[in-house]
């Protein structure tokens, strides 16, 4: 499994489960529409009224999971709202995956987040023997 293979797997998914921590430590999860960069950054949008927005602004630590059957990528990283030229770069990646994302820019409180990976575990239990690989990044 190479970084390019991992990108291909992540980028082939439009939806993921994002988990974050509330201020009291309670785990909270939500399905988000994602886009992925070649550096394995996950980009999504959300509204400032959402729980995940509040959670990630207070503590950017989060996890992301994508799957297809018994093939999964479990992903831990740090989420931040990009700014300046980084925001423009992230939005272009996001809009390539979600063209209707441009229409949401007019929504009050819409914010993009970029999650930078710290650790990713890829598993494929559909293959014999199964593949289990971990990547430590940044």
N, C-alpha and C. Protein backbone atom coordinates (compact mmCIF):
# COMPACT_ATOMS: atom_id res chain seq x y z
N UNK A 1 0.86 -1.18 0.00
CA UNK A 1 0.00 0.00 0.00
C UNK A 1 0.90 1.23 0.00
N UNK A 2 0.72 2.07 -0.98
CA UNK A 2 1.49 3.31 -1.06
C UNK A 2 0.60 4.49 -0.67
N UNK A 3 1.22 5.64 -0.48
CA UNK A 3 0.47 6.85 -0.20
C UNK A 3 -0.49 7.15 -1.36
N UNK A 4 -0.06 6.89 -2.58
CA UNK A 4 -0.92 7.10 -3.76
C UNK A 4 -2.13 6.16 -3.73
N UNK A 5 -1.91 4.90 -3.36
CA UNK A 5 -3.04 3.95 -3.22
C UNK A 5 -4.02 4.42 -2.15
N UNK A 6 -3.47 4.92 -1.05
CA UNK A 6 -4.31 5.41 0.03
C UNK A 6 -5.11 6.63 -0.43
N UNK A 7 -4.46 7.54 -1.17
CA UNK A 7 -5.18 8.69 -1.74
C UNK A 7 -6.33 8.19 -2.63
N UNK A 8 -6.03 7.23 -3.51
CA UNK A 8 -7.07 6.73 -4.43
C UNK A 8 -8.26 6.18 -3.66
N UNK A 9 -7.99 5.44 -2.58
CA UNK A 9 -9.08 4.89 -1.78
C UNK A 9 -9.89 6.00 -1.12
N UNK A 10 -9.20 6.91 -0.44
CA UNK A 10 -9.91 8.01 0.24
C UNK A 10 -10.69 8.87 -0.74
N UNK A 11 -10.06 9.22 -1.85
CA UNK A 11 -10.68 10.12 -2.82
C UNK A 11 -11.86 9.47 -3.56
N UNK A 12 -11.95 8.14 -3.50
CA UNK A 12 -13.06 7.47 -4.17
C UNK A 12 -14.35 7.54 -3.33
N UNK A 13 -14.24 8.13 -2.16
CA UNK A 13 -15.40 8.24 -1.26
C UNK A 13 -15.88 9.69 -1.19
N UNK A 14 -17.17 9.85 -1.23
CA UNK A 14 -17.76 11.19 -1.13
C UNK A 14 -18.22 11.48 0.30
N UNK A 15 -18.46 10.45 1.08
CA UNK A 15 -18.96 10.63 2.44
C UNK A 15 -18.04 9.94 3.44
N UNK A 16 -17.98 10.51 4.63
CA UNK A 16 -17.19 9.93 5.71
C UNK A 16 -17.89 10.22 7.02
N UNK A 17 -17.51 9.47 8.05
CA UNK A 17 -17.95 9.79 9.40
C UNK A 17 -16.83 10.56 10.07
N UNK A 18 -17.17 11.74 10.57
CA UNK A 18 -16.24 12.60 11.29
C UNK A 18 -16.62 12.56 12.76
N UNK A 19 -15.65 12.28 13.62
CA UNK A 19 -15.90 12.27 15.06
C UNK A 19 -15.06 13.34 15.73
N UNK A 20 -15.67 14.03 16.67
CA UNK A 20 -15.00 15.09 17.42
C UNK A 20 -15.44 14.99 18.87
N UNK A 21 -14.83 15.81 19.72
CA UNK A 21 -15.15 15.77 21.15
C UNK A 21 -15.83 17.07 21.58
N UNK A 22 -16.94 16.92 22.29
CA UNK A 22 -17.61 18.08 22.88
C UNK A 22 -16.77 18.59 24.05
N UNK A 23 -17.10 19.77 24.53
CA UNK A 23 -16.35 20.38 25.64
C UNK A 23 -16.32 19.49 26.88
N UNK A 24 -17.37 18.70 27.10
CA UNK A 24 -17.41 17.82 28.27
C UNK A 24 -16.77 16.46 28.01
N UNK A 25 -16.16 16.28 26.82
CA UNK A 25 -15.48 15.04 26.49
C UNK A 25 -16.36 14.01 25.81
N UNK A 26 -17.63 14.33 25.61
CA UNK A 26 -18.55 13.42 24.95
C UNK A 26 -18.17 13.29 23.47
N UNK A 27 -18.03 12.06 22.96
CA UNK A 27 -17.75 11.91 21.53
C UNK A 27 -19.01 12.18 20.72
N UNK A 28 -18.83 12.85 19.59
CA UNK A 28 -19.95 13.15 18.70
C UNK A 28 -19.51 12.86 17.27
N UNK A 29 -20.39 12.26 16.50
CA UNK A 29 -20.07 11.88 15.12
C UNK A 29 -21.11 12.45 14.18
N UNK A 30 -20.67 12.68 12.94
CA UNK A 30 -21.56 13.18 11.90
C UNK A 30 -21.05 12.71 10.55
N UNK A 31 -21.97 12.51 9.64
CA UNK A 31 -21.59 12.21 8.26
C UNK A 31 -21.31 13.53 7.56
N UNK A 32 -20.18 13.58 6.85
CA UNK A 32 -19.80 14.80 6.11
C UNK A 32 -19.42 14.43 4.68
N UNK A 33 -19.66 15.35 3.78
CA UNK A 33 -19.17 15.22 2.41
C UNK A 33 -17.72 15.64 2.38
N UNK A 34 -16.86 14.82 1.78
CA UNK A 34 -15.42 15.10 1.83
C UNK A 34 -14.80 15.23 0.44
N UNK A 35 -13.66 15.88 0.45
CA UNK A 35 -12.73 15.90 -0.67
C UNK A 35 -11.36 15.64 -0.07
N UNK A 36 -10.44 15.11 -0.86
CA UNK A 36 -9.13 14.71 -0.35
C UNK A 36 -8.04 15.27 -1.25
N UNK A 37 -6.99 15.82 -0.62
CA UNK A 37 -5.84 16.31 -1.37
C UNK A 37 -4.80 15.21 -1.53
N UNK A 38 -3.84 15.41 -2.41
CA UNK A 38 -2.75 14.44 -2.61
C UNK A 38 -1.92 14.27 -1.35
N UNK A 39 -1.96 15.25 -0.44
CA UNK A 39 -1.26 15.14 0.84
C UNK A 39 -2.12 14.45 1.89
N UNK A 40 -3.24 13.87 1.45
CA UNK A 40 -4.17 13.12 2.30
C UNK A 40 -4.90 14.01 3.30
N UNK A 41 -5.01 15.30 3.00
CA UNK A 41 -5.83 16.19 3.82
C UNK A 41 -7.29 15.94 3.44
N UNK A 42 -8.16 15.94 4.43
CA UNK A 42 -9.60 15.79 4.21
C UNK A 42 -10.24 17.17 4.38
N UNK A 43 -11.05 17.55 3.41
CA UNK A 43 -11.71 18.86 3.43
C UNK A 43 -13.21 18.64 3.44
N UNK A 44 -13.90 19.42 4.27
CA UNK A 44 -15.36 19.36 4.33
C UNK A 44 -15.88 20.74 4.70
N UNK A 45 -17.18 20.94 4.49
CA UNK A 45 -17.80 22.18 4.94
C UNK A 45 -18.85 21.87 5.99
N UNK A 46 -19.16 22.88 6.79
CA UNK A 46 -20.18 22.75 7.83
C UNK A 46 -20.67 24.15 8.19
N UNK A 47 -21.72 24.19 8.94
CA UNK A 47 -22.26 25.47 9.40
C UNK A 47 -21.78 25.77 10.81
N UNK A 48 -21.62 27.05 11.11
CA UNK A 48 -21.14 27.44 12.44
C UNK A 48 -22.14 27.10 13.54
N UNK A 49 -23.35 26.73 13.18
CA UNK A 49 -24.35 26.33 14.17
C UNK A 49 -24.27 24.84 14.51
N UNK A 50 -23.39 24.09 13.84
CA UNK A 50 -23.31 22.65 14.06
C UNK A 50 -22.46 22.31 15.28
N UNK A 51 -22.71 21.13 15.83
CA UNK A 51 -21.91 20.66 16.96
C UNK A 51 -20.46 20.47 16.54
N UNK A 52 -20.24 19.90 15.35
CA UNK A 52 -18.87 19.64 14.94
C UNK A 52 -18.08 20.93 14.81
N UNK A 53 -18.72 22.00 14.35
CA UNK A 53 -18.03 23.29 14.25
C UNK A 53 -17.56 23.74 15.63
N UNK A 54 -18.47 23.75 16.59
CA UNK A 54 -18.10 24.18 17.95
C UNK A 54 -17.00 23.29 18.53
N UNK A 55 -17.16 21.98 18.35
CA UNK A 55 -16.17 21.05 18.88
C UNK A 55 -14.79 21.30 18.27
N UNK A 56 -14.74 21.42 16.96
CA UNK A 56 -13.45 21.54 16.28
C UNK A 56 -12.79 22.90 16.50
N UNK A 57 -13.58 23.92 16.71
CA UNK A 57 -12.99 25.24 17.01
C UNK A 57 -12.34 25.22 18.39
N UNK A 58 -12.91 24.46 19.32
CA UNK A 58 -12.36 24.36 20.67
C UNK A 58 -11.20 23.37 20.74
N UNK A 59 -11.30 22.29 19.96
CA UNK A 59 -10.29 21.23 19.98
C UNK A 59 -10.31 20.57 18.61
N UNK A 60 -9.29 20.82 17.81
CA UNK A 60 -9.25 20.33 16.44
C UNK A 60 -9.02 18.84 16.28
N UNK A 61 -8.71 18.13 17.37
CA UNK A 61 -8.47 16.69 17.27
C UNK A 61 -9.75 15.99 16.82
N UNK A 62 -9.62 15.12 15.81
CA UNK A 62 -10.80 14.44 15.28
C UNK A 62 -10.38 13.14 14.61
N UNK A 63 -11.37 12.36 14.26
CA UNK A 63 -11.13 11.16 13.47
C UNK A 63 -12.11 11.13 12.31
N UNK A 64 -11.69 10.47 11.25
CA UNK A 64 -12.49 10.34 10.03
C UNK A 64 -12.44 8.87 9.64
N UNK A 65 -13.57 8.32 9.25
CA UNK A 65 -13.61 6.93 8.79
C UNK A 65 -14.35 6.86 7.46
N UNK A 66 -13.73 6.17 6.50
CA UNK A 66 -14.39 5.84 5.24
C UNK A 66 -14.31 4.33 5.06
N UNK A 67 -15.26 3.77 4.35
CA UNK A 67 -15.28 2.33 4.17
C UNK A 67 -16.06 1.94 2.94
N UNK A 68 -15.76 0.76 2.49
CA UNK A 68 -16.49 0.11 1.42
C UNK A 68 -16.45 -1.37 1.73
N UNK A 69 -17.57 -1.94 2.14
CA UNK A 69 -17.58 -3.33 2.57
C UNK A 69 -16.66 -3.51 3.77
N UNK A 70 -15.70 -4.40 3.63
CA UNK A 70 -14.76 -4.66 4.72
C UNK A 70 -13.41 -3.98 4.49
N UNK A 71 -13.40 -2.95 3.66
CA UNK A 71 -12.19 -2.16 3.43
C UNK A 71 -12.40 -0.81 4.10
N UNK A 72 -11.48 -0.43 4.99
CA UNK A 72 -11.65 0.82 5.73
C UNK A 72 -10.36 1.62 5.78
N UNK A 73 -10.54 2.92 5.97
CA UNK A 73 -9.43 3.80 6.35
C UNK A 73 -9.90 4.53 7.60
N UNK A 74 -9.16 4.33 8.67
CA UNK A 74 -9.41 5.03 9.94
C UNK A 74 -8.34 6.10 10.05
N UNK A 75 -8.75 7.31 10.30
CA UNK A 75 -7.90 8.47 10.09
C UNK A 75 -8.00 9.36 11.31
N UNK A 76 -6.87 9.72 11.90
CA UNK A 76 -6.85 10.67 13.01
C UNK A 76 -6.05 11.89 12.58
N UNK A 77 -6.54 13.07 12.94
CA UNK A 77 -5.84 14.28 12.55
C UNK A 77 -6.32 15.49 13.31
N UNK A 78 -5.87 16.63 12.83
CA UNK A 78 -6.21 17.92 13.42
C UNK A 78 -6.95 18.74 12.38
N UNK A 79 -8.13 19.22 12.73
CA UNK A 79 -8.96 20.02 11.83
C UNK A 79 -8.82 21.50 12.17
N UNK A 80 -8.71 22.31 11.13
CA UNK A 80 -8.66 23.76 11.28
C UNK A 80 -9.36 24.40 10.09
N UNK A 81 -9.96 25.56 10.30
CA UNK A 81 -10.48 26.30 9.15
C UNK A 81 -9.30 26.94 8.40
N UNK A 82 -9.14 26.66 7.13
CA UNK A 82 -8.06 27.29 6.39
C UNK A 82 -8.35 28.77 6.16
N UNK A 83 -7.30 29.56 5.97
CA UNK A 83 -7.45 30.99 5.73
C UNK A 83 -6.60 31.40 4.53
N UNK A 84 -6.90 32.58 4.00
CA UNK A 84 -6.11 33.17 2.92
C UNK A 84 -5.98 32.27 1.71
N UNK A 85 -4.76 32.16 1.19
CA UNK A 85 -4.53 31.36 -0.01
C UNK A 85 -4.79 29.88 0.24
N UNK A 86 -4.61 29.44 1.48
CA UNK A 86 -4.89 28.04 1.80
C UNK A 86 -6.39 27.77 1.69
N UNK A 87 -7.22 28.73 2.08
CA UNK A 87 -8.67 28.57 1.95
C UNK A 87 -9.05 28.42 0.48
N UNK A 88 -8.47 29.25 -0.37
CA UNK A 88 -8.76 29.17 -1.81
C UNK A 88 -8.34 27.81 -2.36
N UNK A 89 -7.18 27.32 -1.97
CA UNK A 89 -6.69 26.01 -2.42
C UNK A 89 -7.63 24.90 -1.96
N UNK A 90 -8.02 24.93 -0.70
CA UNK A 90 -8.90 23.89 -0.15
C UNK A 90 -10.28 23.93 -0.80
N UNK A 91 -10.78 25.11 -1.02
CA UNK A 91 -12.10 25.22 -1.67
C UNK A 91 -12.06 24.65 -3.08
N UNK A 92 -11.00 24.88 -3.83
CA UNK A 92 -10.93 24.35 -5.19
C UNK A 92 -10.93 22.82 -5.17
N UNK A 93 -10.22 22.23 -4.23
CA UNK A 93 -10.23 20.76 -4.10
C UNK A 93 -11.64 20.30 -3.74
N UNK A 94 -12.26 21.00 -2.80
CA UNK A 94 -13.61 20.63 -2.37
C UNK A 94 -14.61 20.78 -3.52
N UNK A 95 -14.53 21.89 -4.24
CA UNK A 95 -15.48 22.13 -5.33
C UNK A 95 -15.30 21.14 -6.48
N UNK A 96 -14.10 20.61 -6.66
CA UNK A 96 -13.89 19.59 -7.70
C UNK A 96 -14.69 18.33 -7.35
N UNK A 97 -14.77 18.01 -6.06
CA UNK A 97 -15.55 16.84 -5.63
C UNK A 97 -17.03 17.16 -5.47
N UNK A 98 -17.33 18.40 -5.06
CA UNK A 98 -18.69 18.83 -4.76
C UNK A 98 -18.97 20.15 -5.50
N UNK A 99 -19.25 20.11 -6.81
CA UNK A 99 -19.49 21.35 -7.56
C UNK A 99 -20.59 22.23 -6.96
N UNK A 100 -21.59 21.62 -6.32
CA UNK A 100 -22.66 22.40 -5.71
C UNK A 100 -22.19 23.12 -4.45
N UNK A 101 -20.97 22.84 -4.00
CA UNK A 101 -20.41 23.53 -2.84
C UNK A 101 -20.30 25.03 -3.05
N UNK A 102 -20.10 25.45 -4.29
CA UNK A 102 -20.04 26.89 -4.59
C UNK A 102 -21.36 27.57 -4.23
N UNK A 103 -22.46 26.87 -4.48
CA UNK A 103 -23.78 27.44 -4.16
C UNK A 103 -23.95 27.65 -2.65
N UNK A 104 -23.31 26.81 -1.85
CA UNK A 104 -23.44 26.92 -0.40
C UNK A 104 -22.62 28.07 0.18
N UNK A 105 -21.74 28.66 -0.59
CA UNK A 105 -20.93 29.77 -0.07
C UNK A 105 -21.79 30.93 0.42
N UNK A 106 -23.00 31.04 -0.09
CA UNK A 106 -23.89 32.13 0.33
C UNK A 106 -24.62 31.81 1.64
N UNK A 107 -24.51 30.59 2.13
CA UNK A 107 -25.19 30.22 3.37
C UNK A 107 -24.53 30.92 4.56
N UNK A 108 -25.31 31.53 5.42
CA UNK A 108 -24.73 32.17 6.61
C UNK A 108 -24.01 31.15 7.50
N UNK A 109 -22.80 31.47 7.89
CA UNK A 109 -22.04 30.62 8.80
C UNK A 109 -21.35 29.43 8.17
N UNK A 110 -21.35 29.33 6.82
CA UNK A 110 -20.68 28.20 6.19
C UNK A 110 -19.17 28.34 6.37
N UNK A 111 -18.54 27.26 6.80
CA UNK A 111 -17.09 27.23 7.03
C UNK A 111 -16.52 25.95 6.46
N UNK A 112 -15.34 26.05 5.88
CA UNK A 112 -14.61 24.87 5.44
C UNK A 112 -13.58 24.51 6.50
N UNK A 113 -13.33 23.22 6.65
CA UNK A 113 -12.27 22.73 7.51
C UNK A 113 -11.34 21.87 6.68
N UNK A 114 -10.07 21.89 7.03
CA UNK A 114 -9.10 20.96 6.47
C UNK A 114 -8.54 20.14 7.63
N UNK A 115 -8.56 18.83 7.46
CA UNK A 115 -8.03 17.92 8.47
C UNK A 115 -6.69 17.39 7.95
N UNK A 116 -5.67 17.64 8.74
CA UNK A 116 -4.33 17.14 8.39
C UNK A 116 -4.08 15.85 9.15
N UNK A 117 -3.69 14.80 8.43
CA UNK A 117 -3.56 13.49 9.07
C UNK A 117 -2.35 13.39 9.99
N UNK A 118 -2.55 12.68 11.09
CA UNK A 118 -1.47 12.30 12.00
C UNK A 118 -1.22 10.79 11.91
N UNK A 119 -2.31 10.04 11.72
CA UNK A 119 -2.24 8.59 11.70
C UNK A 119 -3.39 8.08 10.84
N UNK A 120 -3.08 7.08 9.99
CA UNK A 120 -4.12 6.44 9.18
C UNK A 120 -3.88 4.93 9.23
N UNK A 121 -4.95 4.20 9.43
CA UNK A 121 -4.88 2.74 9.38
C UNK A 121 -5.79 2.28 8.26
N UNK A 122 -5.21 1.57 7.31
CA UNK A 122 -5.95 1.00 6.19
C UNK A 122 -6.09 -0.50 6.43
N UNK A 123 -7.30 -1.00 6.30
CA UNK A 123 -7.51 -2.44 6.44
C UNK A 123 -8.35 -2.95 5.27
N UNK A 124 -8.01 -4.13 4.81
CA UNK A 124 -8.79 -4.79 3.77
C UNK A 124 -8.99 -6.24 4.19
N UNK A 125 -10.17 -6.52 4.75
CA UNK A 125 -10.49 -7.87 5.18
C UNK A 125 -11.21 -8.66 4.10
N UNK A 126 -11.36 -8.08 2.92
CA UNK A 126 -11.94 -8.80 1.80
C UNK A 126 -10.88 -9.61 1.07
N UNK A 127 -9.65 -9.37 1.40
CA UNK A 127 -8.51 -10.04 0.76
C UNK A 127 -7.92 -11.06 1.73
N UNK A 128 -7.41 -12.16 1.22
CA UNK A 128 -6.77 -13.17 2.05
C UNK A 128 -5.34 -13.33 1.60
N UNK A 129 -4.37 -13.17 2.46
CA UNK A 129 -4.54 -12.70 3.82
C UNK A 129 -4.96 -11.23 3.82
N UNK A 130 -5.57 -10.78 4.89
CA UNK A 130 -6.01 -9.38 4.95
C UNK A 130 -4.81 -8.43 4.97
N UNK A 131 -5.08 -7.20 4.55
CA UNK A 131 -4.06 -6.15 4.59
C UNK A 131 -4.37 -5.24 5.76
N UNK A 132 -3.39 -4.98 6.59
CA UNK A 132 -3.51 -4.03 7.69
C UNK A 132 -2.24 -3.19 7.68
N UNK A 133 -2.38 -1.90 7.36
CA UNK A 133 -1.20 -1.03 7.31
C UNK A 133 -1.48 0.27 8.03
N UNK A 134 -0.48 0.75 8.74
CA UNK A 134 -0.58 2.03 9.44
C UNK A 134 0.40 3.03 8.85
N UNK A 135 -0.03 4.27 8.79
CA UNK A 135 0.78 5.37 8.29
C UNK A 135 0.84 6.43 9.37
N UNK A 136 2.02 6.87 9.71
CA UNK A 136 2.19 8.02 10.63
C UNK A 136 2.65 9.18 9.76
N UNK A 137 1.96 10.29 9.88
CA UNK A 137 2.22 11.45 9.01
C UNK A 137 2.42 12.70 9.85
N UNK A 138 3.01 13.69 9.24
CA UNK A 138 3.26 15.02 9.85
C UNK A 138 3.81 14.84 11.21
